Amino acid sequence: MNPRIVAVQTTDDYKLELQFANGETGTYDCSDLLNFGVFSEFNDLNYFHLAQIHDGTVVWPNGQDICPDTLYLDSAKRNAA
């Protein structure tokens, strides 16, 4: 199993700055999701900034979430534990 998310910060260019349970950090780009179904709400940048951690992944108030494995595997890593 891939490590889960323990902290998240959003950016104004639709990226998630992530900290993983294994100590790694990475950046996940959400800009490709802006026109995809339920994620279109991310076009409201204020809404995108409402991201929170729940059960080891990133979630938003209206039920959007991104699989923690996707966040880990597809993020650009910055350092190792």
PDB file of N, CA and C in Angstrom:
ATOM      1  N   MET A   1       0.846  -1.176   0.000  1.00  0.00           N
ATOM      2  CA  MET A   1       0.000   0.000   0.000  1.00  0.00           C
ATOM      3  C   MET A   1       0.890   1.238   0.000  1.00  0.00           C
ATOM      4  N   ASN A   2       0.502   2.223  -0.775  1.00  0.00           N
ATOM      5  CA  ASN A   2       1.234   3.489  -0.823  1.00  0.00           C
ATOM      6  C   ASN A   2       0.929   4.315   0.419  1.00  0.00           C
ATOM      7  N   PRO A   3       1.848   5.218   0.791  1.00  0.00           N
ATOM      8  CA  PRO A   3       1.619   6.039   1.976  1.00  0.00           C
ATOM      9  C   PRO A   3       0.433   6.983   1.787  1.00  0.00           C
ATOM     10  N   ARG A   4      -0.220   7.297   2.862  1.00  0.00           N
ATOM     11  CA  ARG A   4      -1.373   8.181   2.844  1.00  0.00           C
ATOM     12  C   ARG A   4      -0.952   9.625   3.089  1.00  0.00           C
ATOM     13  N   ILE A   5      -1.864  10.525   2.831  1.00  0.00           N
ATOM     14  CA  ILE A   5      -1.602  11.943   2.972  1.00  0.00           C
ATOM     15  C   ILE A   5      -1.819  12.349   4.432  1.00  0.00           C
ATOM     16  N   VAL A   6      -0.893  13.147   4.965  1.00  0.00           N
ATOM     17  CA  VAL A   6      -1.033  13.634   6.333  1.00  0.00           C
ATOM     18  C   VAL A   6      -1.196  15.156   6.386  1.00  0.00           C
ATOM     19  N   ALA A   7      -0.872  15.848   5.284  1.00  0.00           N
ATOM     20  CA  ALA A   7      -1.049  17.304   5.235  1.00  0.00           C
ATOM     21  C   ALA A   7      -1.215  17.733   3.786  1.00  0.00           C
ATOM     22  N   VAL A   8      -1.986  18.798   3.585  1.00  0.00           N
ATOM     23  CA  VAL A   8      -2.200  19.338   2.239  1.00  0.00           C
ATOM     24  C   VAL A   8      -2.273  20.853   2.304  1.00  0.00           C
ATOM     25  N   GLN A   9      -1.720  21.481   1.295  1.00  0.00           N
ATOM     26  CA  GLN A   9      -1.893  22.906   1.058  1.00  0.00           C
ATOM     27  C   GLN A   9      -2.234  23.067  -0.416  1.00  0.00           C
ATOM     28  N   THR A  10      -3.143  23.994  -0.711  1.00  0.00           N
ATOM     29  CA  THR A  10      -3.517  24.267  -2.094  1.00  0.00           C
ATOM     30  C   THR A  10      -2.772  25.494  -2.593  1.00  0.00           C
ATOM     31  N   THR A  11      -2.615  25.574  -3.912  1.00  0.00           N
ATOM     32  CA  THR A  11      -1.987  26.746  -4.523  1.00  0.00           C
ATOM     33  C   THR A  11      -2.997  27.413  -5.458  1.00  0.00           C
ATOM     34  N   ASP A  12      -2.684  28.635  -5.870  1.00  0.00           N
ATOM     35  CA  ASP A  12      -3.573  29.356  -6.778  1.00  0.00           C
ATOM     36  C   ASP A  12      -3.502  28.858  -8.209  1.00  0.00           C
ATOM     37  N   ASP A  13      -2.577  27.940  -8.500  1.00  0.00           N
ATOM     38  CA  ASP A  13      -2.522  27.359  -9.841  1.00  0.00           C
ATOM     39  C   ASP A  13      -2.975  25.892  -9.830  1.00  0.00           C
ATOM     40  N   TYR A  14      -3.903  25.590  -8.912  1.00  0.00           N
ATOM     41  CA  TYR A  14      -4.591  24.293  -8.846  1.00  0.00           C
ATOM     42  C   TYR A  14      -3.656  23.111  -8.584  1.00  0.00           C
ATOM     43  N   LYS A  15      -2.718  23.333  -7.706  1.00  0.00           N
ATOM     44  CA  LYS A  15      -1.840  22.246  -7.293  1.00  0.00           C
ATOM     45  C   LYS A  15      -2.064  21.953  -5.815  1.00  0.00           C
ATOM     46  N   LEU A  16      -1.817  20.705  -5.454  1.00  0.00           N
ATOM     47  CA  LEU A  16      -1.853  20.284  -4.061  1.00  0.00           C
ATOM     48  C   LEU A  16      -0.430  20.021  -3.609  1.00  0.00           C
ATOM     49  N   GLU A  17      -0.010  20.699  -2.562  1.00  0.00           N
ATOM     50  CA  GLU A  17       1.279  20.438  -1.939  1.00  0.00           C
ATOM     51  C   GLU A  17       1.007  19.418  -0.842  1.00  0.00           C
ATOM     52  N   LEU A  18       1.578  18.233  -0.983  1.00  0.00           N
ATOM     53  CA  LEU A  18       1.222  17.099  -0.141  1.00  0.00           C
ATOM     54  C   LEU A  18       2.387  16.651   0.738  1.00  0.00           C
ATOM     55  N   GLN A  19       2.044  16.218   1.932  1.00  0.00           N
ATOM     56  CA  GLN A  19       2.999  15.521   2.783  1.00  0.00           C
ATOM     57  C   GLN A  19       2.441  14.126   3.011  1.00  0.00           C
ATOM     58  N   PHE A  20       3.286  13.123   2.775  1.00  0.00           N
ATOM     59  CA  PHE A  20       2.873  11.735   2.900  1.00  0.00           C
ATOM     60  C   PHE A  20       3.335  11.160   4.233  1.00  0.00           C
ATOM     61  N   ALA A  21       2.674  10.107   4.654  1.00  0.00           N
ATOM     62  CA  ALA A  21       2.950   9.476   5.944  1.00  0.00           C
ATOM     63  C   ALA A  21       4.378   8.943   6.052  1.00  0.00           C
ATOM     64  N   ASN A  22       5.046   8.691   4.932  1.00  0.00           N
ATOM     65  CA  ASN A  22       6.421   8.188   4.958  1.00  0.00           C
ATOM     66  C   ASN A  22       7.457   9.311   5.005  1.00  0.00           C
ATOM     67  N   GLY A  23       6.998  10.569   5.101  1.00  0.00           N
ATOM     68  CA  GLY A  23       7.898  11.713   5.171  1.00  0.00           C
ATOM     69  C   GLY A  23       8.161  12.395   3.849  1.00  0.00           C
ATOM     70  N   GLU A  24       7.792  11.759   2.741  1.00  0.00           N
ATOM     71  CA  GLU A  24       7.978  12.387   1.437  1.00  0.00           C
ATOM     72  C   GLU A  24       7.004  13.548   1.266  1.00  0.00           C
ATOM     73  N   THR A  25       7.386  14.485   0.403  1.00  0.00           N
ATOM     74  CA  THR A  25       6.488  15.556   0.006  1.00  0.00           C
ATOM     75  C   THR A  25       6.401  15.560  -1.510  1.00  0.00           C
ATOM     76  N   GLY A  26       5.295  16.062  -2.011  1.00  0.00           N
ATOM     77  CA  GLY A  26       5.115  16.090  -3.453  1.00  0.00           C
ATOM     78  C   GLY A  26       4.052  17.092  -3.859  1.00  0.00           C
ATOM     79  N   THR A  27       3.997  17.330  -5.149  1.00  0.00           N
ATOM     80  CA  THR A  27       3.025  18.249  -5.735  1.00  0.00           C
ATOM     81  C   THR A  27       2.170  17.488  -6.731  1.00  0.00           C
ATOM     82  N   TYR A  28       0.861  17.613  -6.573  1.00  0.00           N
ATOM     83  CA  TYR A  28      -0.086  16.989  -7.494  1.00  0.00           C
ATOM     84  C   TYR A  28      -0.838  18.099  -8.215  1.00  0.00           C
ATOM     85  N   ASP A  29      -0.831  18.069  -9.536  1.00  0.00           N
ATOM     86  CA  ASP A  29      -1.470  19.085 -10.366  1.00  0.00           C
ATOM     87  C   ASP A  29      -2.914  18.687 -10.659  1.00  0.00           C
ATOM     88  N   CYS A  30      -3.861  19.479 -10.184  1.00  0.00           N
ATOM     89  CA  CYS A  30      -5.291  19.207 -10.388  1.00  0.00           C
ATOM     90  C   CYS A  30      -5.866  19.941 -11.599  1.00  0.00           C
ATOM     91  N   SER A  31      -5.059  20.694 -12.336  1.00  0.00           N
ATOM     92  CA  SER A  31      -5.598  21.514 -13.416  1.00  0.00           C
ATOM     93  C   SER A  31      -6.274  20.686 -14.508  1.00  0.00           C
ATOM     94  N   ASP A  32      -5.846  19.450 -14.706  1.00  0.00           N
ATOM     95  CA  ASP A  32      -6.493  18.599 -15.711  1.00  0.00           C
ATOM     96  C   ASP A  32      -7.897  18.168 -15.299  1.00  0.00           C
ATOM     97  N   LEU A  33      -8.245  18.344 -14.040  1.00  0.00           N
ATOM     98  CA  LEU A  33      -9.561  17.930 -13.539  1.00  0.00           C
ATOM     99  C   LEU A  33     -10.630  19.013 -13.679  1.00  0.00           C
ATOM    100  N   LEU A  34     -10.248  20.235 -14.018  1.00  0.00           N
ATOM    101  CA  LEU A  34     -11.161  21.386 -13.969  1.00  0.00           C
ATOM    102  C   LEU A  34     -12.413  21.219 -14.825  1.00  0.00           C
ATOM    103  N   ASN A  35     -12.337  20.471 -15.890  1.00  0.00           N
ATOM    104  CA  ASN A  35     -13.495  20.283 -16.772  1.00  0.00           C
ATOM    105  C   ASN A  35     -14.015  18.859 -16.731  1.00  0.00           C
ATOM    106  N   PHE A  36     -13.728  18.156 -15.646  1.00  0.00           N
ATOM    107  CA  PHE A  36     -14.088  16.751 -15.537  1.00  0.00           C
ATOM    108  C   PHE A  36     -15.160  16.555 -14.469  1.00  0.00           C
ATOM    109  N   GLY A  37     -16.406  16.417 -14.898  1.00  0.00           N
ATOM    110  CA  GLY A  37     -17.525  16.066 -14.008  1.00  0.00           C
ATOM    111  C   GLY A  37     -17.583  16.856 -12.721  1.00  0.00           C
ATOM    112  N   VAL A  38     -17.617  16.138 -11.603  1.00  0.00           N
ATOM    113  CA  VAL A  38     -17.785  16.778 -10.295  1.00  0.00           C
ATOM    114  C   VAL A  38     -16.630  17.697  -9.942  1.00  0.00           C
ATOM    115  N   PHE A  39     -15.475  17.509 -10.571  1.00  0.00           N
ATOM    116  CA  PHE A  39     -14.326  18.353 -10.271  1.00  0.00           C
ATOM    117  C   PHE A  39     -14.430  19.742 -10.893  1.00  0.00           C
ATOM    118  N   SER A  40     -15.425  19.968 -11.753  1.00  0.00           N
ATOM    119  CA  SER A  40     -15.578  21.292 -12.365  1.00  0.00           C
ATOM    120  C   SER A  40     -15.808  22.378 -11.316  1.00  0.00           C
ATOM    121  N   GLU A  41     -16.242  21.985 -10.114  1.00  0.00           N
ATOM    122  CA  GLU A  41     -16.386  22.972  -9.035  1.00  0.00           C
ATOM    123  C   GLU A  41     -15.046  23.582  -8.642  1.00  0.00           C
ATOM    124  N   PHE A  42     -13.949  22.928  -8.996  1.00  0.00           N
ATOM    125  CA  PHE A  42     -12.620  23.467  -8.699  1.00  0.00           C
ATOM    126  C   PHE A  42     -12.357  24.760  -9.465  1.00  0.00           C
ATOM    127  N   ASN A  43     -13.142  25.038 -10.521  1.00  0.00           N
ATOM    128  CA  ASN A  43     -12.981  26.300 -11.241  1.00  0.00           C
ATOM    129  C   ASN A  43     -13.195  27.502 -10.332  1.00  0.00           C
ATOM    130  N   ASP A  44     -13.935  27.304  -9.257  1.00  0.00           N
ATOM    131  CA  ASP A  44     -14.054  28.317  -8.218  1.00  0.00           C
ATOM    132  C   ASP A  44     -12.850  28.122  -7.293  1.00  0.00           C
ATOM    133  N   LEU A  45     -11.854  28.973  -7.444  1.00  0.00           N
ATOM    134  CA  LEU A  45     -10.610  28.809  -6.695  1.00  0.00           C
ATOM    135  C   LEU A  45     -10.836  28.815  -5.191  1.00  0.00           C
ATOM    136  N   ASN A  46     -11.806  29.595  -4.728  1.00  0.00           N
ATOM    137  CA  ASN A  46     -12.116  29.591  -3.298  1.00  0.00           C
ATOM    138  C   ASN A  46     -12.582  28.209  -2.842  1.00  0.00           C
ATOM    139  N   TYR A  47     -13.354  27.544  -3.674  1.00  0.00           N
ATOM    140  CA  TYR A  47     -13.795  26.192  -3.352  1.00  0.00           C
ATOM    141  C   TYR A  47     -12.611  25.222  -3.355  1.00  0.00           C
ATOM    142  N   PHE A  48     -11.749  25.329  -4.358  1.00  0.00           N
ATOM    143  CA  PHE A  48     -10.578  24.455  -4.429  1.00  0.00           C
ATOM    144  C   PHE A  48      -9.748  24.554  -3.145  1.00  0.00           C
ATOM    145  N   HIS A  49      -9.650  25.758  -2.604  1.00  0.00           N
ATOM    146  CA  HIS A  49      -8.859  25.983  -1.388  1.00  0.00           C
ATOM    147  C   HIS A  49      -9.499  25.371  -0.136  1.00  0.00           C
ATOM    148  N   LEU A  50     -10.684  24.809  -0.235  1.00  0.00           N
ATOM    149  CA  LEU A  50     -11.339  24.169   0.909  1.00  0.00           C
ATOM    150  C   LEU A  50     -10.889  22.717   1.121  1.00  0.00           C
ATOM    151  N   ALA A  51      -9.886  22.292   0.393  1.00  0.00           N
ATOM    152  CA  ALA A  51      -9.375  20.919   0.514  1.00  0.00           C
ATOM    153  C   ALA A  51      -8.961  20.617   1.954  1.00  0.00           C
ATOM    154  N   GLN A  52      -9.268  19.398   2.377  1.00  0.00           N
ATOM    155  CA  GLN A  52      -8.923  18.924   3.715  1.00  0.00           C
ATOM    156  C   GLN A  52      -8.480  17.465   3.635  1.00  0.00           C
ATOM    157  N   ILE A  53      -7.878  17.002   4.714  1.00  0.00           N
ATOM    158  CA  ILE A  53      -7.485  15.596   4.822  1.00  0.00           C
ATOM    159  C   ILE A  53      -8.586  14.837   5.558  1.00  0.00           C
ATOM    160  N   HIS A  54      -8.954  13.688   5.001  1.00  0.00           N
ATOM    161  CA  HIS A  54      -9.898  12.789   5.676  1.00  0.00           C
ATOM    162  C   HIS A  54      -9.506  11.365   5.320  1.00  0.00           C
ATOM    163  N   ASP A  55      -9.298  10.542   6.319  1.00  0.00           N
ATOM    164  CA  ASP A  55      -8.945   9.131   6.111  1.00  0.00           C
ATOM    165  C   ASP A  55      -7.765   8.945   5.158  1.00  0.00           C
ATOM    166  N   GLY A  56      -6.775   9.818   5.259  1.00  0.00           N
ATOM    167  CA  GLY A  56      -5.546   9.647   4.488  1.00  0.00           C
ATOM    168  C   GLY A  56      -5.576  10.118   3.062  1.00  0.00           C
ATOM    169  N   THR A  57      -6.617  10.848   2.681  1.00  0.00           N
ATOM    170  CA  THR A  57      -6.650  11.406   1.338  1.00  0.00           C
ATOM    171  C   THR A  57      -7.183  12.831   1.387  1.00  0.00           C
ATOM    172  N   VAL A  58      -7.273  13.469   0.229  1.00  0.00           N
ATOM    173  CA  VAL A  58      -7.737  14.857   0.136  1.00  0.00           C
ATOM    174  C   VAL A  58      -9.197  14.848  -0.295  1.00  0.00           C
ATOM    175  N   VAL A  59     -10.005  15.632   0.414  1.00  0.00           N
ATOM    176  CA  VAL A  59     -11.442  15.714   0.135  1.00  0.00           C
ATOM    177  C   VAL A  59     -11.881  17.165   0.110  1.00  0.00           C
ATOM    178  N   TRP A  60     -13.065  17.393  -0.492  1.00  0.00           N
ATOM    179  CA  TRP A  60     -13.685  18.709  -0.541  1.00  0.00           C
ATOM    180  C   TRP A  60     -15.107  18.590  -0.012  1.00  0.00           C
ATOM    181  N   PRO A  61     -15.723  19.720   0.374  1.00  0.00           N
ATOM    182  CA  PRO A  61     -17.028  19.688   1.049  1.00  0.00           C
ATOM    183  C   PRO A  61     -18.168  19.013   0.285  1.00  0.00           C
ATOM    184  N   ASN A  62     -18.157  19.065  -1.032  1.00  0.00           N
ATOM    185  CA  ASN A  62     -19.270  18.501  -1.795  1.00  0.00           C
ATOM    186  C   ASN A  62     -19.025  17.059  -2.234  1.00  0.00           C
ATOM    187  N   GLY A  63     -18.083  16.386  -1.577  1.00  0.00           N
ATOM    188  CA  GLY A  63     -17.886  14.966  -1.805  1.00  0.00           C
ATOM    189  C   GLY A  63     -16.772  14.587  -2.766  1.00  0.00           C
ATOM    190  N   GLN A  64     -16.111  15.548  -3.383  1.00  0.00           N
ATOM    191  CA  GLN A  64     -15.003  15.189  -4.255  1.00  0.00           C
ATOM    192  C   GLN A  64     -13.846  14.665  -3.407  1.00  0.00           C
ATOM    193  N   ASP A  65     -13.150  13.688  -3.974  1.00  0.00           N
ATOM    194  CA  ASP A  65     -11.917  13.205  -3.367  1.00  0.00           C
ATOM    195  C   ASP A  65     -11.038  12.651  -4.472  1.00  0.00           C
ATOM    196  N   ILE A  66      -9.773  12.484  -4.145  1.00  0.00           N
ATOM    197  CA  ILE A  66      -8.823  11.906  -5.095  1.00  0.00           C
ATOM    198  C   ILE A  66      -8.177  10.720  -4.393  1.00  0.00           C
ATOM    199  N   CYS A  67      -8.129   9.609  -5.072  1.00  0.00           N
ATOM    200  CA  CYS A  67      -7.566   8.385  -4.515  1.00  0.00           C
ATOM    201  C   CYS A  67      -6.153   8.654  -3.976  1.00  0.00           C
ATOM    202  N   PRO A  68      -5.889   8.241  -2.739  1.00  0.00           N
ATOM    203  CA  PRO A  68      -4.562   8.491  -2.176  1.00  0.00           C
ATOM    204  C   PRO A  68      -3.441   7.805  -2.958  1.00  0.00           C
ATOM    205  N   ASP A  69      -3.726   6.674  -3.584  1.00  0.00           N
ATOM    206  CA  ASP A  69      -2.707   6.019  -4.417  1.00  0.00           C
ATOM    207  C   ASP A  69      -2.381   6.877  -5.635  1.00  0.00           C
ATOM    208  N   THR A  70      -3.396   7.467  -6.250  1.00  0.00           N
ATOM    209  CA  THR A  70      -3.184   8.369  -7.384  1.00  0.00           C
ATOM    210  C   THR A  70      -2.350   9.565  -6.945  1.00  0.00           C
ATOM    211  N   LEU A  71      -2.700  10.146  -5.799  1.00  0.00           N
ATOM    212  CA  LEU A  71      -1.951  11.301  -5.313  1.00  0.00           C
ATOM    213  C   LEU A  71      -0.483  10.958  -5.098  1.00  0.00           C
ATOM    214  N   TYR A  72      -0.219   9.782  -4.564  1.00  0.00           N
ATOM    215  CA  TYR A  72       1.170   9.385  -4.313  1.00  0.00           C
ATOM    216  C   TYR A  72       1.897   9.063  -5.618  1.00  0.00           C
ATOM    217  N   LEU A  73       1.309   8.220  -6.433  1.00  0.00           N
ATOM    218  CA  LEU A  73       1.984   7.755  -7.637  1.00  0.00           C
ATOM    219  C   LEU A  73       2.173   8.850  -8.691  1.00  0.00           C
ATOM    220  N   ASP A  74       1.231   9.780  -8.770  1.00  0.00           N
ATOM    221  CA  ASP A  74       1.270  10.798  -9.822  1.00  0.00           C
ATOM    222  C   ASP A  74       1.800  12.147  -9.359  1.00  0.00           C
ATOM    223  N   SER A  75       2.224  12.255  -8.122  1.00  0.00           N
ATOM    224  CA  SER A  75       2.760  13.541  -7.659  1.00  0.00           C
ATOM    225  C   SER A  75       4.249  13.633  -7.948  1.00  0.00           C
ATOM    226  N   ALA A  76       4.708  14.847  -8.157  1.00  0.00           N
ATOM    227  CA  ALA A  76       6.138  15.106  -8.333  1.00  0.00           C
ATOM    228  C   ALA A  76       6.744  15.182  -6.938  1.00  0.00           C
ATOM    229  N   LYS A  77       7.602  14.221  -6.614  1.00  0.00           N
ATOM    230  CA  LYS A  77       8.196  14.148  -5.271  1.00  0.00           C
ATOM    231  C   LYS A  77       9.335  15.150  -5.144  1.00  0.00           C
ATOM    232  N   ARG A  78       9.487  15.688  -3.925  1.00  0.00           N
ATOM    233  CA  ARG A  78      10.559  16.650  -3.666  1.00  0.00           C
ATOM    234  C   ARG A  78      11.656  16.093  -2.775  1.00  0.00           C
ATOM    235  N   ASN A  79      11.344  15.152  -1.888  1.00  0.00           N
ATOM    236  CA  ASN A  79      12.384  14.597  -1.020  1.00  0.00           C
ATOM    237  C   ASN A  79      11.916  13.276  -0.437  1.00  0.00           C
ATOM    238  N   ALA A  80      12.838  12.528   0.070  1.00  0.00           N
ATOM    239  CA  ALA A  80      12.511  11.240   0.679  1.00  0.00           C
ATOM    240  C   ALA A  80      12.679  11.323   2.177  1.00  0.00           C
ATOM    241  N   ALA A  81      12.067  10.356   2.871  1.00  0.00           N
ATOM    242  CA  ALA A  81      12.150  10.322   4.326  1.00  0.00           C
ATOM    243  C   ALA A  81      13.577  10.080   4.783  1.00  0.00           C
TER     244      ALA A  81
END
